[in-house]
C-alpha atoms as a PDB file:
ATOM      1  CA  UNK A   1      37.615  15.064 -12.787  1.00  0.00           C
ATOM      2  CA  UNK A   2      38.100  11.026 -12.871  1.00  0.00           C
ATOM      3  CA  UNK A   3      39.265   9.436  -9.522  1.00  0.00           C
ATOM      4  CA  UNK A   4      39.725   5.989 -11.169  1.00  0.00           C
ATOM      5  CA  UNK A   5      43.369   6.516 -11.790  1.00  0.00           C
ATOM      6  CA  UNK A   6      44.017   7.494  -8.325  1.00  0.00           C
ATOM      7  CA  UNK A   7      46.431   5.036  -6.747  1.00  0.00           C
ATOM      8  CA  UNK A   8      47.083   4.430  -3.008  1.00  0.00           C
ATOM      9  CA  UNK A   9      50.087   6.018  -1.545  1.00  0.00           C
ATOM     10  CA  UNK A  10      49.895   3.846   1.633  1.00  0.00           C
ATOM     11  CA  UNK A  11      52.158   0.300   0.878  1.00  0.00           C
ATOM     12  CA  UNK A  12      50.277  -2.838   0.149  1.00  0.00           C
ATOM     13  CA  UNK A  13      51.355  -4.586   3.490  1.00  0.00           C
ATOM     14  CA  UNK A  14      48.679  -6.640   4.982  1.00  0.00           C
ATOM     15  CA  UNK A  15      50.605  -7.593   8.323  1.00  0.00           C
ATOM     16  CA  UNK A  16      49.770  -3.399   8.823  1.00  0.00           C
ATOM     17  CA  UNK A  17      46.037  -3.426   8.187  1.00  0.00           C
ATOM     18  CA  UNK A  18      43.823  -3.553  11.015  1.00  0.00           C
ATOM     19  CA  UNK A  19      41.401  -6.086  11.105  1.00  0.00           C
ATOM     20  CA  UNK A  20      37.375  -6.058  11.408  1.00  0.00           C
ATOM     21  CA  UNK A  21      36.863  -5.837  15.161  1.00  0.00           C
ATOM     22  CA  UNK A  22      35.141  -8.614  16.795  1.00  0.00           C
ATOM     23  CA  UNK A  23      32.621  -6.173  17.445  1.00  0.00           C
ATOM     24  CA  UNK A  24      31.752  -5.554  13.908  1.00  0.00           C
ATOM     25  CA  UNK A  25      31.520  -8.995  13.009  1.00  0.00           C
ATOM     26  CA  UNK A  26      29.556 -12.617  13.267  1.00  0.00           C
ATOM     27  CA  UNK A  27      31.163 -15.250  13.297  1.00  0.00           C
ATOM     28  CA  UNK A  28      28.774 -17.184  11.065  1.00  0.00           C
ATOM     29  CA  UNK A  29      27.159 -15.726   7.580  1.00  0.00           C
ATOM     30  CA  UNK A  30      25.228 -17.117   4.386  1.00  0.00           C
ATOM     31  CA  UNK A  31      27.677 -16.377   2.091  1.00  0.00           C
ATOM     32  CA  UNK A  32      30.971 -17.807   0.566  1.00  0.00           C
ATOM     33  CA  UNK A  33      33.178 -16.252   2.620  1.00  0.00           C
ATOM     34  CA  UNK A  34      33.289 -15.123   6.452  1.00  0.00           C
ATOM     35  CA  UNK A  35      32.887 -11.578   7.533  1.00  0.00           C
ATOM     36  CA  UNK A  36      36.293 -11.339   8.736  1.00  0.00           C
ATOM     37  CA  UNK A  37      37.570 -11.603   5.377  1.00  0.00           C
ATOM     38  CA  UNK A  38      34.846  -9.913   3.227  1.00  0.00           C
ATOM     39  CA  UNK A  39      34.997  -7.231   5.761  1.00  0.00           C
ATOM     40  CA  UNK A  40      38.697  -6.510   5.431  1.00  0.00           C
ATOM     41  CA  UNK A  41      41.166  -4.082   3.513  1.00  0.00           C
ATOM     42  CA  UNK A  42      42.402  -7.067   1.770  1.00  0.00           C
ATOM     43  CA  UNK A  43      38.884  -7.562   0.280  1.00  0.00           C
ATOM     44  CA  UNK A  44      38.684  -4.137  -0.719  1.00  0.00           C
ATOM     45  CA  UNK A  45      41.544  -4.317  -2.509  1.00  0.00           C
ATOM     46  CA  UNK A  46      41.584  -7.988  -4.313  1.00  0.00           C
ATOM     47  CA  UNK A  47      37.554  -8.830  -3.962  1.00  0.00           C
ATOM     48  CA  UNK A  48      35.835 -11.609  -5.209  1.00  0.00           C
ATOM     49  CA  UNK A  49      33.186 -12.947  -5.688  1.00  0.00           C
ATOM     50  CA  UNK A  50      30.557 -13.223  -2.909  1.00  0.00           C
ATOM     51  CA  UNK A  51      27.229 -15.432  -3.340  1.00  0.00           C
ATOM     52  CA  UNK A  52      24.504 -16.286  -0.981  1.00  0.00           C
ATOM     53  CA  UNK A  53      24.029 -19.826   0.077  1.00  0.00           C
ATOM     54  CA  UNK A  54      21.616 -21.538  -2.684  1.00  0.00           C
ATOM     55  CA  UNK A  55      20.178 -18.367  -4.197  1.00  0.00           C
ATOM     56  CA  UNK A  56      21.322 -18.749  -7.744  1.00  0.00           C
ATOM     57  CA  UNK A  57      20.935 -22.649  -7.629  1.00  0.00           C
ATOM     58  CA  UNK A  58      16.981 -21.691  -6.585  1.00  0.00           C
ATOM     59  CA  UNK A  59      16.441 -19.261  -9.220  1.00  0.00           C
ATOM     60  CA  UNK A  60      18.574 -20.399 -11.976  1.00  0.00           C
ATOM     61  CA  UNK A  61      15.459 -20.519 -14.558  1.00  0.00           C
ATOM     62  CA  UNK A  62      15.383 -16.653 -13.938  1.00  0.00           C
ATOM     63  CA  UNK A  63      18.878 -16.062 -14.789  1.00  0.00           C
ATOM     64  CA  UNK A  64      18.330 -18.434 -17.837  1.00  0.00           C
ATOM     65  CA  UNK A  65      15.728 -16.318 -18.891  1.00  0.00           C
ATOM     66  CA  UNK A  66      17.351 -13.316 -18.276  1.00  0.00           C
ATOM     67  CA  UNK A  67      20.973 -14.647 -20.788  1.00  0.00           C
ATOM     68  CA  UNK A  68      19.142 -13.803 -23.786  1.00  0.00           C
ATOM     69  CA  UNK A  69      17.779 -10.453 -23.443  1.00  0.00           C
ATOM     70  CA  UNK A  70      19.803  -7.621 -24.765  1.00  0.00           C
ATOM     71  CA  UNK A  71      18.890  -4.373 -22.693  1.00  0.00           C
ATOM     72  CA  UNK A  72      18.797  -3.547 -18.896  1.00  0.00           C
ATOM     73  CA  UNK A  73      15.411  -2.637 -19.269  1.00  0.00           C
ATOM     74  CA  UNK A  74      14.142  -5.531 -20.601  1.00  0.00           C
ATOM     75  CA  UNK A  75      15.848  -7.750 -18.074  1.00  0.00           C
ATOM     76  CA  UNK A  76      14.833  -5.328 -15.431  1.00  0.00           C
ATOM     77  CA  UNK A  77      11.634  -5.481 -16.145  1.00  0.00           C
ATOM     78  CA  UNK A  78      11.484  -9.301 -16.394  1.00  0.00           C
ATOM     79  CA  UNK A  79      13.395  -9.562 -12.722  1.00  0.00           C
ATOM     80  CA  UNK A  80      10.224  -7.480 -11.360  1.00  0.00           C
ATOM     81  CA  UNK A  81       7.796  -9.762 -13.426  1.00  0.00           C
ATOM     82  CA  UNK A  82       9.785 -12.615 -11.864  1.00  0.00           C
ATOM     83  CA  UNK A  83       9.344 -11.443  -8.174  1.00  0.00           C
ATOM     84  CA  UNK A  84       6.037 -10.677  -8.403  1.00  0.00           C
ATOM     85  CA  UNK A  85       5.297 -14.222  -9.866  1.00  0.00           C
ATOM     86  CA  UNK A  86       7.379 -16.105  -7.509  1.00  0.00           C
ATOM     87  CA  UNK A  87       6.672 -14.167  -4.142  1.00  0.00           C
ATOM     88  CA  UNK A  88       3.486 -13.591  -5.295  1.00  0.00           C
ATOM     89  CA  UNK A  89       3.470 -10.402  -4.714  1.00  0.00           C
ATOM     90  CA  UNK A  90      -0.125  -8.978  -5.811  1.00  0.00           C
ATOM     91  CA  UNK A  91      -1.740 -12.601  -4.596  1.00  0.00           C
ATOM     92  CA  UNK A  92      -0.925 -12.437  -1.187  1.00  0.00           C
ATOM     93  CA  UNK A  93      -3.691 -14.462  -0.161  1.00  0.00           C
ATOM     94  CA  UNK A  94      -1.887 -17.503  -2.338  1.00  0.00           C
ATOM     95  CA  UNK A  95       0.774 -17.281   0.738  1.00  0.00           C
ATOM     96  CA  UNK A  96      -1.280 -17.354   3.642  1.00  0.00           C
ATOM     97  CA  UNK A  97      -1.747 -13.591   4.012  1.00  0.00           C
ATOM     98  CA  UNK A  98      -5.534 -12.030   4.198  1.00  0.00           C
ATOM     99  CA  UNK A  99      -6.280  -9.198   1.899  1.00  0.00           C
ATOM    100  CA  UNK A 100      -7.698  -5.986   3.060  1.00  0.00           C
ATOM    101  CA  UNK A 101      -6.555  -6.175   6.396  1.00  0.00           C
ATOM    102  CA  UNK A 102      -5.645  -2.619   7.548  1.00  0.00           C
ATOM    103  CA  UNK A 103      -1.536  -2.514   7.867  1.00  0.00           C
ATOM    104  CA  UNK A 104      -1.299  -5.352   5.753  1.00  0.00           C
ATOM    105  CA  UNK A 105       2.409  -6.379   6.290  1.00  0.00           C
ATOM    106  CA  UNK A 106       2.604  -8.327   3.485  1.00  0.00           C
ATOM    107  CA  UNK A 107       2.986  -5.180   0.892  1.00  0.00           C
ATOM    108  CA  UNK A 108       6.304  -4.808   2.676  1.00  0.00           C
ATOM    109  CA  UNK A 109       8.076  -5.849  -0.502  1.00  0.00           C
ATOM    110  CA  UNK A 110      11.619  -5.402  -1.706  1.00  0.00           C
ATOM    111  CA  UNK A 111      10.538  -2.186  -3.451  1.00  0.00           C
ATOM    112  CA  UNK A 112       9.029  -0.564  -0.365  1.00  0.00           C
ATOM    113  CA  UNK A 113      12.192  -1.528   1.534  1.00  0.00           C
ATOM    114  CA  UNK A 114      14.642   0.716  -1.010  1.00  0.00           C
ATOM    115  CA  UNK A 115      12.367   3.210  -1.016  1.00  0.00           C
ATOM    116  CA  UNK A 116      12.121   3.586   2.622  1.00  0.00           C
ATOM    117  CA  UNK A 117      15.844   3.439   2.478  1.00  0.00           C
ATOM    118  CA  UNK A 118      16.063   6.223  -0.234  1.00  0.00           C
ATOM    119  CA  UNK A 119      13.665   8.610   2.050  1.00  0.00           C
ATOM    120  CA  UNK A 120      15.921   7.617   5.680  1.00  0.00           C
ATOM    121  CA  UNK A 121      18.184   5.320   6.185  1.00  0.00           C
ATOM    122  CA  UNK A 122      17.685   4.793  10.019  1.00  0.00           C
ATOM    123  CA  UNK A 123      13.740   4.393   9.561  1.00  0.00           C
ATOM    124  CA  UNK A 124      12.119   0.909   9.956  1.00  0.00           C
ATOM    125  CA  UNK A 125      12.983  -0.077   6.088  1.00  0.00           C
ATOM    126  CA  UNK A 126      16.579   0.682   6.929  1.00  0.00           C
ATOM    127  CA  UNK A 127      16.634  -1.510  10.047  1.00  0.00           C
ATOM    128  CA  UNK A 128      15.677  -4.142   7.946  1.00  0.00           C
ATOM    129  CA  UNK A 129      17.954  -3.937   5.292  1.00  0.00           C
ATOM    130  CA  UNK A 130      20.739  -3.828   8.173  1.00  0.00           C
ATOM    131  CA  UNK A 131      19.565  -6.797   9.913  1.00  0.00           C
ATOM    132  CA  UNK A 132      19.565  -8.550   6.043  1.00  0.00           C
ATOM    133  CA  UNK A 133      23.437  -7.782   5.664  1.00  0.00           C
ATOM    134  CA  UNK A 134      23.856  -8.914   9.307  1.00  0.00           C
ATOM    135  CA  UNK A 135      22.511 -12.236   8.617  1.00  0.00           C
ATOM    136  CA  UNK A 136      23.739 -12.733   5.210  1.00  0.00           C
ATOM    137  CA  UNK A 137      27.070 -11.226   5.416  1.00  0.00           C
ATOM    138  CA  UNK A 138      28.045 -11.323   9.006  1.00  0.00           C
ATOM    139  CA  UNK A 139      28.626  -7.449   9.264  1.00  0.00           C
ATOM    140  CA  UNK A 140      27.091  -5.984  12.333  1.00  0.00           C
ATOM    141  CA  UNK A 141      24.961  -2.563  12.199  1.00  0.00           C
ATOM    142  CA  UNK A 142      27.447   0.146  13.882  1.00  0.00           C
ATOM    143  CA  UNK A 143      24.694   3.030  13.653  1.00  0.00           C
ATOM    144  CA  UNK A 144      20.841   3.348  13.348  1.00  0.00           C
ATOM    145  CA  UNK A 145      19.641   6.297  14.657  1.00  0.00           C
ATOM    146  CA  UNK A 146      22.649   6.890  16.911  1.00  0.00           C
ATOM    147  CA  UNK A 147      25.313   4.513  18.031  1.00  0.00           C
ATOM    148  CA  UNK A 148      24.922   1.147  18.153  1.00  0.00           C
ATOM    149  CA  UNK A 149      28.265   0.419  20.475  1.00  0.00           C
ATOM    150  CA  UNK A 150      26.441  -0.076  23.432  1.00  0.00           C
ATOM    151  CA  UNK A 151      24.524  -3.189  23.075  1.00  0.00           C
ATOM    152  CA  UNK A 152      22.384  -2.733  26.267  1.00  0.00           C
ATOM    153  CA  UNK A 153      22.010   0.874  25.534  1.00  0.00           C
ATOM    154  CA  UNK A 154      18.568   2.643  24.082  1.00  0.00           C
ATOM    155  CA  UNK A 155      19.711   2.916  20.654  1.00  0.00           C
ATOM    156  CA  UNK A 156      20.125  -0.606  20.204  1.00  0.00           C
ATOM    157  CA  UNK A 157      17.028  -1.326  21.553  1.00  0.00           C
ATOM    158  CA  UNK A 158      15.232   0.935  19.050  1.00  0.00           C
ATOM    159  CA  UNK A 159      16.646  -0.868  16.629  1.00  0.00           C
ATOM    160  CA  UNK A 160      15.631  -4.352  17.581  1.00  0.00           C
ATOM    161  CA  UNK A 161      12.144  -3.369  17.540  1.00  0.00           C
ATOM    162  CA  UNK A 162      12.506  -1.672  14.416  1.00  0.00           C
ATOM    163  CA  UNK A 163      13.576  -4.664  12.631  1.00  0.00           C
ATOM    164  CA  UNK A 164      11.364  -6.886  14.440  1.00  0.00           C
ATOM    165  CA  UNK A 165       8.580  -4.479  13.486  1.00  0.00           C
ATOM    166  CA  UNK A 166       9.585  -4.294   9.860  1.00  0.00           C
ATOM    167  CA  UNK A 167      10.293  -8.071   9.312  1.00  0.00           C
ATOM    168  CA  UNK A 168       7.213  -9.281  11.387  1.00  0.00           C
ATOM    169  CA  UNK A 169       4.331 -10.875   9.150  1.00  0.00           C
ATOM    170  CA  UNK A 170       6.204  -9.859   5.696  1.00  0.00           C
ATOM    171  CA  UNK A 171       5.803 -12.258   2.615  1.00  0.00           C
ATOM    172  CA  UNK A 172       9.553 -13.712   2.672  1.00  0.00           C
ATOM    173  CA  UNK A 173      10.970 -10.362   2.801  1.00  0.00           C
ATOM    174  CA  UNK A 174      14.988 -11.472   3.459  1.00  0.00           C
ATOM    175  CA  UNK A 175      14.419 -14.090   0.388  1.00  0.00           C
ATOM    176  CA  UNK A 176      13.275 -10.963  -1.569  1.00  0.00           C
ATOM    177  CA  UNK A 177      16.628  -9.172  -0.873  1.00  0.00           C
ATOM    178  CA  UNK A 178      18.773 -12.062  -1.323  1.00  0.00           C
ATOM    179  CA  UNK A 179      17.286 -12.482  -5.054  1.00  0.00           C
ATOM    180  CA  UNK A 180      17.557  -8.385  -5.674  1.00  0.00           C
ATOM    181  CA  UNK A 181      21.256  -8.506  -4.328  1.00  0.00           C
ATOM    182  CA  UNK A 182      22.067 -11.558  -6.721  1.00  0.00           C
ATOM    183  CA  UNK A 183      20.412  -9.835  -9.421  1.00  0.00           C
ATOM    184  CA  UNK A 184      22.247  -6.879  -8.914  1.00  0.00           C
ATOM    185  CA  UNK A 185      25.652  -8.534  -9.171  1.00  0.00           C
ATOM    186  CA  UNK A 186      24.465 -10.374 -11.961  1.00  0.00           C
ATOM    187  CA  UNK A 187      23.628  -6.937 -13.740  1.00  0.00           C
ATOM    188  CA  UNK A 188      26.717  -5.454 -12.699  1.00  0.00           C
ATOM    189  CA  UNK A 189      28.935  -7.755 -14.279  1.00  0.00           C
ATOM    190  CA  UNK A 190      27.320  -8.497 -16.965  1.00  0.00           C
ATOM    191  CA  UNK A 191      27.841  -4.687 -17.832  1.00  0.00           C
ATOM    192  CA  UNK A 192      30.864  -4.111 -16.559  1.00  0.00           C
ATOM    193  CA  UNK A 193      32.728  -7.579 -17.045  1.00  0.00           C
ATOM    194  CA  UNK A 194      36.248  -5.751 -16.907  1.00  0.00           C
ATOM    195  CA  UNK A 195      35.331  -3.816 -13.556  1.00  0.00           C
ATOM    196  CA  UNK A 196      36.094  -4.985 -10.336  1.00  0.00           C
ATOM    197  CA  UNK A 197      35.564  -1.639  -8.286  1.00  0.00           C
ATOM    198  CA  UNK A 198      33.736   1.543  -8.649  1.00  0.00           C
ATOM    199  CA  UNK A 199      34.699   4.749  -7.911  1.00  0.00           C
ATOM    200  CA  UNK A 200      32.252   6.237  -5.550  1.00  0.00           C
ATOM    201  CA  UNK A 201      32.057   9.330  -3.407  1.00  0.00           C
ATOM    202  CA  UNK A 202      30.378  10.257   0.141  1.00  0.00           C
ATOM    203  CA  UNK A 203      29.891  13.333   1.637  1.00  0.00           C
ATOM    204  CA  UNK A 204      30.266  13.713   5.663  1.00  0.00           C
ATOM    205  CA  UNK A 205      30.149  16.398   8.605  1.00  0.00           C
ATOM    206  CA  UNK A 206      32.127  14.444  10.862  1.00  0.00           C
ATOM    207  CA  UNK A 207      33.523  10.913  11.599  1.00  0.00           C
ATOM    208  CA  UNK A 208      33.852   9.228  14.942  1.00  0.00           C
ATOM    209  CA  UNK A 209      36.679   8.309  16.340  1.00  0.00           C
ATOM    210  CA  UNK A 210      35.458   4.540  16.790  1.00  0.00           C
ATOM    211  CA  UNK A 211      34.939   4.906  12.613  1.00  0.00           C
ATOM    212  CA  UNK A 212      38.822   6.122  12.030  1.00  0.00           C
ATOM    213  CA  UNK A 213      40.863   2.940  12.749  1.00  0.00           C
ATOM    214  CA  UNK A 214      44.042   4.840  11.284  1.00  0.00           C
ATOM    215  CA  UNK A 215      45.105   7.646   9.674  1.00  0.00           C
ATOM    216  CA  UNK A 216      48.492   6.491   7.649  1.00  0.00           C
ATOM    217  CA  UNK A 217      48.942   9.856   5.694  1.00  0.00           C
ATOM    218  CA  UNK A 218      46.918  13.185   6.185  1.00  0.00           C
ATOM    219  CA  UNK A 219      44.387  12.373   3.246  1.00  0.00           C
ATOM    220  CA  UNK A 220      44.578   8.060   3.530  1.00  0.00           C
ATOM    221  CA  UNK A 221      42.198   6.698   6.190  1.00  0.00           C
ATOM    222  CA  UNK A 222      41.307   3.454   7.244  1.00  0.00           C
ATOM    223  CA  UNK A 223      37.444   3.482   8.289  1.00  0.00           C
ATOM    224  CA  UNK A 224      34.935   1.028   9.881  1.00  0.00           C
ATOM    225  CA  UNK A 225      31.876   1.884   7.911  1.00  0.00           C
ATOM    226  CA  UNK A 226      28.135   0.802   9.021  1.00  0.00           C
ATOM    227  CA  UNK A 227      27.118  -2.220   7.695  1.00  0.00           C
ATOM    228  CA  UNK A 228      25.014  -0.706   4.851  1.00  0.00           C
ATOM    229  CA  UNK A 229      26.129   2.444   3.239  1.00  0.00           C
ATOM    230  CA  UNK A 230      24.804   5.343   0.607  1.00  0.00           C
ATOM    231  CA  UNK A 231      27.554   6.490  -1.825  1.00  0.00           C
ATOM    232  CA  UNK A 232      26.873   8.420  -5.055  1.00  0.00           C
ATOM    233  CA  UNK A 233      29.008   8.350  -8.373  1.00  0.00           C
ATOM    234  CA  UNK A 234      28.507  11.959  -8.536  1.00  0.00           C
ATOM    235  CA  UNK A 235      31.301  14.194  -6.562  1.00  0.00           C
ATOM    236  CA  UNK A 236      28.813  17.346  -6.731  1.00  0.00           C
ATOM    237  CA  UNK A 237      25.895  15.226  -5.279  1.00  0.00           C
ATOM    238  CA  UNK A 238      28.328  14.133  -2.724  1.00  0.00           C
ATOM    239  CA  UNK A 239      29.417  17.575  -1.591  1.00  0.00           C
ATOM    240  CA  UNK A 240      25.095  18.417  -1.266  1.00  0.00           C
ATOM    241  CA  UNK A 241      25.418  15.858   1.930  1.00  0.00           C
ATOM    242  CA  UNK A 242      28.776  17.539   3.929  1.00  0.00           C
ATOM    243  CA  UNK A 243      31.245  19.867   4.375  1.00  0.00           C
ATOM    244  CA  UNK A 244      34.287  16.909   3.304  1.00  0.00           C
ATOM    245  CA  UNK A 245      34.220  14.558   0.846  1.00  0.00           C
ATOM    246  CA  UNK A 246      35.291  10.766   0.907  1.00  0.00           C
ATOM    247  CA  UNK A 247      36.355   9.126  -2.159  1.00  0.00           C
ATOM    248  CA  UNK A 248      37.118   4.955  -2.236  1.00  0.00           C
ATOM    249  CA  UNK A 249      37.259   2.120  -4.802  1.00  0.00           C
ATOM    250  CA  UNK A 250      34.004  -0.225  -3.693  1.00  0.00           C
ATOM    251  CA  UNK A 251      34.192  -3.462  -4.879  1.00  0.00           C
ATOM    252  CA  UNK A 252      31.489  -4.452  -7.328  1.00  0.00           C
ATOM    253  CA  UNK A 253      30.441  -7.478  -5.040  1.00  0.00           C
ATOM    254  CA  UNK A 254      29.611  -4.997  -2.177  1.00  0.00           C
ATOM    255  CA  UNK A 255      27.158  -3.245  -4.204  1.00  0.00           C
ATOM    256  CA  UNK A 256      23.778  -3.918  -2.886  1.00  0.00           C
ATOM    257  CA  UNK A 257      21.928  -1.927  -5.115  1.00  0.00           C
ATOM    258  CA  UNK A 258      22.132   1.110  -7.610  1.00  0.00           C
ATOM    259  CA  UNK A 259      19.857   3.805  -8.225  1.00  0.00           C
ATOM    260  CA  UNK A 260      19.825   2.012 -12.246  1.00  0.00           C
ATOM    261  CA  UNK A 261      18.965  -0.844 -11.450  1.00  0.00           C
ATOM    262  CA  UNK A 262      15.563  -0.868 -11.810  1.00  0.00           C
ATOM    263  CA  UNK A 263      13.172   1.712 -13.485  1.00  0.00           C
ATOM    264  CA  UNK A 264      12.020   4.470 -11.160  1.00  0.00           C
ATOM    265  CA  UNK A 265      14.097   3.624  -8.219  1.00  0.00           C
ATOM    266  CA  UNK A 266      16.124   6.362  -6.494  1.00  0.00           C
ATOM    267  CA  UNK A 267      15.429   8.943  -9.136  1.00  0.00           C
ATOM    268  CA  UNK A 268      18.343  11.208  -9.991  1.00  0.00           C
ATOM    269  CA  UNK A 269      21.022  10.508  -6.963  1.00  0.00           C
ATOM    270  CA  UNK A 270      23.283   8.582  -8.827  1.00  0.00           C
ATOM    271  CA  UNK A 271      22.834   6.408  -5.669  1.00  0.00           C
ATOM    272  CA  UNK A 272      24.593   3.258  -4.712  1.00  0.00           C
ATOM    273  CA  UNK A 273      23.733   1.167  -1.749  1.00  0.00           C
ATOM    274  CA  UNK A 274      26.905  -0.367  -0.575  1.00  0.00           C
ATOM    275  CA  UNK A 275      27.966  -3.299   2.000  1.00  0.00           C
ATOM    276  CA  UNK A 276      30.077  -2.089   4.792  1.00  0.00           C
ATOM    277  CA  UNK A 277      33.101  -3.278   6.820  1.00  0.00           C
ATOM    278  CA  UNK A 278      37.164  -1.671   6.480  1.00  0.00           C
ATOM    279  CA  UNK A 279      37.685   0.607   3.718  1.00  0.00           C
ATOM    280  CA  UNK A 280      40.881   2.572   3.203  1.00  0.00           C
ATOM    281  CA  UNK A 281      39.343   5.968   1.700  1.00  0.00           C
ATOM    282  CA  UNK A 282      40.670   9.482   0.773  1.00  0.00           C
ATOM    283  CA  UNK A 283      39.391  12.531   2.102  1.00  0.00           C
ATOM    284  CA  UNK A 284      39.438  14.968  -0.651  1.00  0.00           C
ATOM    285  CA  UNK A 285      38.044  18.210   1.068  1.00  0.00           C
END
C-alpha cells in the first residue's frame, strides 16, 4: 500500500489552522526559523530547510570531504571517523576528562544517545535529546514518562533531573547532536533531492485531548506532537505498537535521525526520529 499519493481533504486555508500553543514553544532558538513557524501546520505543508546556527560553517571541511564519496556506507564511515577525531571520543584526556574513572560521563556520546532512545524514549538519553530539541528548535517537550503540562509538577521535575544528569560533565554532547542532525539532513537531501516529505506511520492506543487540537474530518486530525517522536516507514511495524495507526507527511527538514543513516543503528525497525510541533495526520485504523 502506497500512501504517498494520498492528498489531504481539508481546504488549504491557513487562517483556519490552529497556531502552535505558547506552552509548546520558546521565543528564541538556535536555527534559521523561529519555533512558531517551524512548528506550524504551514511548515508541514510547505517546508523549508532548517539549519542550526554555525554548524555547516564550523564543519565545512567534513562536508567537503563527503562530496566526492559515492556510497552511503563510505560517507557514514567518514562521518563517524570525523566525529571520533574532532570530539576526541577515543582520547577523552585531550578534552580534560580523566580516563578510567567510574561512570565517566565523557563516554556519553551521540551513539549512546541514539541507542538509549531506541531502547526507551523516556530514559535519561531521551531527556537529553528532548532538551537538545528544546534548545536548538525552541519546541518544548510535552511528555517524558508522563505529561509535562504542569511545569511545577513531579513529572516535569523528574524530566529536568534526567536531562541535567544526562548532560552533566559530558564531552560537548549537544554539539555532537548538532552535527548528527546536520549530517542527517545532508544525506537525506543527497539521496532524495526531489523529496520534500516522507510518508511515515505511528501506532498508538490513545491520544489525549491536549494532543488533538481539532478534527476537521473523522480521519483528518490536527495534533500537537511531542518535540521528539519515533515513526516508522513500515505500516506493519507501526501496527505492532498500538491498536490504531496514524499516517502523516513528515518534512525532510524535521527528520533528526533514521535507522539507515549509520551502520548498525536501530536495526530492523525502519525507524525515523522526528522533530515535533503541529501536524496534520490521517487516522488509518
